[in-house]
Amino acid sequence: MAFLSEKERRDIAQAIAAVEAKTRGELVTVIARAADDYLYVPLLWAALLALAIPGALMLAGNSVALQYAYEAQVAGFLLFAPVLNLTPVKMRLTPRALKRSCVRRLAREQFFAQNLHRTTERAGVLLFVSVAERSVEILADDGIHRRVPAGTWERAVAEFTGAVQAGRVAEGFLRAIQTCGDLQVEHFPARPGDKNELPDHLIEL
């Protein structure tokens, strides 16, 4: 599934190429449908609702139906599970802390999967978006991270997150590319013969 239009993907690639022409740093952009399938969340809620059925029948004074409580629980689970697994419902049911943890985990996995930890100058930066959670991560390798004042990445993340949560994903990427790229240019300006070590195109998971 394409999360952005062809033009938006092209704009992102061109923005990265323009920045990397002026710096020894590397920028990689990744977008994911979701950081996890969270399948256990709707299943847990469906099970809890199914377990509550006998109590609800008892409160309703339906003694006849109580004879078939087990069947009602099974039927309830089979009814609740697919409804609660719909993405908008599931994301509302999933605790915010769990979503943040999953986004951070996947972002860190991608940092290493895309070889950002192996660049010559250790000045690689990952810009990561997880669509379902409307969440972002910016991960900087040690070379650039040590040279940037405290709070810089947090401000970049806040601006990036605001755009993504407003539905302006491509705009968020472009702003973050410019912000992080300026830092790379400042601390790791280009030298003759520099090589492009990592892909410029948007990586879609």
Protein backbone atom coordinates (compact mmCIF):
# COMPACT_ATOMS: atom_id res chain seq x y z
CA MET A 1 0.00 0.00 0.00
CA ALA A 2 1.33 3.44 -0.94
CA PHE A 3 0.94 5.90 1.92
CA LEU A 4 1.95 8.90 -0.16
CA SER A 5 1.46 9.90 -3.77
CA GLU A 6 4.15 9.38 -6.37
CA LYS A 7 4.82 13.13 -6.43
CA GLU A 8 5.18 13.25 -2.64
CA ARG A 9 7.61 10.34 -2.67
CA ARG A 10 9.57 12.03 -5.45
CA ASP A 11 9.64 15.32 -3.52
CA ILE A 12 11.02 13.52 -0.46
CA ALA A 13 13.76 11.80 -2.48
CA GLN A 14 14.73 15.08 -4.13
CA ALA A 15 14.83 16.87 -0.76
CA ILE A 16 17.14 14.21 0.66
CA ALA A 17 19.41 14.35 -2.41
CA ALA A 18 19.60 18.15 -2.15
CA VAL A 19 20.61 18.00 1.52
CA GLU A 20 23.10 15.18 1.06
CA ALA A 21 24.82 17.11 -1.74
CA LYS A 22 25.93 19.55 0.98
CA THR A 23 26.81 17.16 3.80
CA ARG A 24 28.71 14.00 4.66
CA GLY A 25 25.73 12.90 6.71
CA GLU A 26 23.03 10.49 5.56
CA LEU A 27 19.24 10.81 5.84
CA VAL A 28 16.89 7.83 5.58
CA THR A 29 13.10 8.09 5.59
CA VAL A 30 10.85 5.17 6.54
CA ILE A 31 7.06 4.97 6.77
CA ALA A 32 5.15 2.00 8.21
CA ARG A 33 1.48 1.07 8.14
CA ALA A 34 1.67 0.29 11.87
CA ALA A 35 4.38 -0.53 14.38
CA ASP A 36 2.61 -3.74 15.43
CA ASP A 37 -0.55 -5.67 14.57
CA TYR A 38 -1.73 -5.38 18.20
CA LEU A 39 -3.84 -8.49 17.61
CA TYR A 40 -3.78 -9.43 21.29
CA VAL A 41 -5.53 -6.17 22.24
CA PRO A 42 -8.90 -6.83 20.50
CA LEU A 43 -8.72 -10.51 21.46
CA LEU A 44 -8.27 -9.57 25.12
CA TRP A 45 -11.15 -7.12 25.02
CA ALA A 46 -13.37 -9.62 23.21
CA ALA A 47 -12.58 -12.26 25.83
CA LEU A 48 -13.34 -9.87 28.69
CA LEU A 49 -16.66 -8.88 27.13
CA ALA A 50 -17.56 -12.52 26.52
CA LEU A 51 -16.76 -13.39 30.13
CA ALA A 52 -19.08 -10.60 31.27
CA ILE A 53 -22.09 -12.03 29.41
CA PRO A 54 -23.29 -14.40 32.22
CA GLY A 55 -23.18 -11.57 34.73
CA ALA A 56 -25.14 -9.33 32.38
CA LEU A 57 -27.76 -12.07 31.92
CA MET A 58 -28.00 -12.56 35.66
CA LEU A 59 -28.50 -8.86 36.26
CA ALA A 60 -31.21 -8.91 33.61
CA GLY A 61 -32.95 -11.75 35.48
CA ASN A 62 -32.84 -14.01 32.45
CA SER A 63 -32.54 -17.41 34.14
CA VAL A 64 -33.42 -19.31 30.96
CA ALA A 65 -30.62 -17.71 29.01
CA LEU A 66 -28.16 -18.53 31.80
CA GLN A 67 -28.53 -22.20 30.85
CA TYR A 68 -26.84 -21.33 27.60
CA ALA A 69 -24.22 -19.00 29.06
CA TYR A 70 -21.28 -20.88 27.56
CA GLU A 71 -22.80 -20.78 24.09
CA ALA A 72 -23.53 -17.09 24.60
CA GLN A 73 -19.92 -16.45 25.60
CA VAL A 74 -18.56 -18.23 22.52
CA ALA A 75 -20.99 -16.39 20.26
CA GLY A 76 -20.16 -13.09 21.94
CA PHE A 77 -16.43 -13.63 21.49
CA LEU A 78 -16.87 -14.48 17.82
CA LEU A 79 -18.98 -11.35 17.39
CA PHE A 80 -16.80 -8.96 19.36
CA ALA A 81 -13.38 -10.05 18.08
CA PRO A 82 -13.67 -8.98 14.41
CA VAL A 83 -15.41 -5.72 15.29
CA LEU A 84 -12.78 -4.77 17.86
CA ASN A 85 -10.03 -5.72 15.39
CA LEU A 86 -11.06 -2.95 12.98
CA THR A 87 -8.08 -0.63 12.87
CA PRO A 88 -9.78 2.57 14.17
CA VAL A 89 -11.37 0.65 17.05
CA LYS A 90 -8.24 -1.34 17.84
CA MET A 91 -6.06 1.77 17.94
CA ARG A 92 -8.44 3.44 20.38
CA LEU A 93 -8.38 0.39 22.63
CA THR A 94 -4.61 0.09 22.60
CA PRO A 95 -2.91 1.96 25.48
CA ARG A 96 -0.88 4.97 24.38
CA ALA A 97 2.20 3.76 26.24
CA LEU A 98 2.08 0.44 24.38
CA LYS A 99 1.80 2.19 21.01
CA ARG A 100 4.74 4.47 21.81
CA SER A 101 6.82 1.49 22.89
CA CYS A 102 6.07 -0.39 19.67
CA VAL A 103 6.84 2.64 17.50
CA ARG A 104 10.17 3.15 19.24
CA ARG A 105 11.03 -0.53 18.89
CA LEU A 106 10.31 -0.63 15.16
CA ALA A 107 12.14 2.65 14.56
CA ARG A 108 15.24 1.27 16.27
CA GLU A 109 14.98 -1.93 14.27
CA GLN A 110 14.86 0.10 11.08
CA PHE A 111 17.82 2.22 12.15
CA PHE A 112 19.97 -0.91 12.11
CA ALA A 113 18.18 -2.60 9.21
CA GLN A 114 18.91 0.42 6.99
CA ASN A 115 22.58 0.42 8.08
CA LEU A 116 22.51 3.89 9.56
CA HIS A 117 24.93 2.70 12.22
CA ARG A 118 27.55 1.88 9.56
CA THR A 119 28.00 5.21 7.82
CA THR A 120 31.56 6.52 7.59
CA GLU A 121 30.99 9.65 9.69
CA ARG A 122 28.39 8.14 12.05
CA ALA A 123 26.21 11.10 11.06
CA GLY A 124 23.15 9.23 9.83
CA VAL A 125 19.62 10.27 10.82
CA LEU A 126 16.45 8.19 10.53
CA LEU A 127 13.08 9.89 10.02
CA PHE A 128 10.40 7.33 10.88
CA VAL A 129 6.60 7.56 10.67
CA SER A 130 4.09 4.95 11.81
CA VAL A 131 0.75 5.81 10.23
CA ALA A 132 -1.72 3.91 12.43
CA GLU A 133 -0.30 5.47 15.60
CA ARG A 134 0.25 8.86 13.92
CA SER A 135 3.61 8.81 15.62
CA VAL A 136 7.16 9.67 14.58
CA GLU A 137 10.72 8.98 15.68
CA ILE A 138 13.93 10.76 14.75
CA LEU A 139 17.03 8.70 15.52
CA ALA A 140 20.50 10.17 15.11
CA ASP A 141 23.73 8.21 15.13
CA ASP A 142 26.39 9.02 17.71
CA GLY A 143 28.54 11.21 15.46
CA ILE A 144 25.84 13.84 14.87
CA HIS A 145 23.99 13.32 18.16
CA ARG A 146 27.01 14.37 20.26
CA ARG A 147 27.40 17.64 18.35
CA VAL A 148 23.80 18.84 18.56
CA PRO A 149 22.61 20.95 21.53
CA ALA A 150 20.24 19.29 24.01
CA GLY A 151 16.58 19.61 23.06
CA THR A 152 17.24 19.97 19.33
CA TRP A 153 15.92 16.54 18.37
CA GLU A 154 12.93 16.90 20.70
CA ARG A 155 11.89 20.12 18.95
CA ALA A 156 12.27 18.48 15.55
CA VAL A 157 10.15 15.53 16.69
CA ALA A 158 7.45 17.85 18.05
CA GLU A 159 7.19 19.72 14.75
CA PHE A 160 7.25 16.48 12.75
CA THR A 161 4.59 14.89 14.98
CA GLY A 162 2.31 17.91 14.67
CA ALA A 163 2.32 17.67 10.88
CA VAL A 164 1.74 13.90 10.87
CA GLN A 165 -1.13 14.10 13.37
CA ALA A 166 -2.72 16.78 11.21
CA GLY A 167 -2.55 14.41 8.22
CA ARG A 168 0.26 16.30 6.49
CA VAL A 169 2.72 13.40 6.37
CA ALA A 170 4.67 14.50 3.30
CA GLU A 171 4.96 18.03 4.64
CA GLY A 172 6.21 16.65 7.95
CA PHE A 173 8.88 14.62 6.19
CA LEU A 174 10.03 17.59 4.11
CA ARG A 175 10.30 19.88 7.14
CA ALA A 176 12.15 17.25 9.15
CA ILE A 177 14.52 16.62 6.24
CA GLN A 178 15.32 20.32 6.10
CA THR A 179 15.72 20.65 9.88
CA CYS A 180 17.93 17.59 10.29
CA GLY A 181 19.75 18.30 7.04
CA ASP A 182 20.72 21.78 8.22
CA LEU A 183 22.28 20.22 11.32
CA GLN A 184 24.21 17.74 9.22
CA VAL A 185 25.44 20.44 6.88
CA GLU A 186 26.55 22.58 9.84
CA HIS A 187 28.52 19.83 11.56
CA PHE A 188 29.44 17.58 8.62
CA PRO A 189 29.78 19.73 5.48
CA ALA A 190 30.44 17.93 2.23
CA ARG A 191 33.95 17.16 1.00
CA PRO A 192 35.14 16.38 -2.53
CA GLY A 193 34.64 12.73 -3.40
CA ASP A 194 31.92 12.03 -0.82
CA LYS A 195 29.79 9.00 -1.66
CA ASN A 196 26.07 8.52 -1.13
CA GLU A 197 26.08 5.53 1.21
CA LEU A 198 22.34 4.97 1.72
CA PRO A 199 19.19 5.21 -0.45
CA ASP A 200 17.42 8.55 -0.85
CA HIS A 201 13.95 7.18 -1.65
CA LEU A 202 11.19 6.76 0.93
CA ILE A 203 11.15 3.22 2.35
CA GLU A 204 7.61 1.88 2.87
CA LEU A 205 6.94 -1.03 5.22
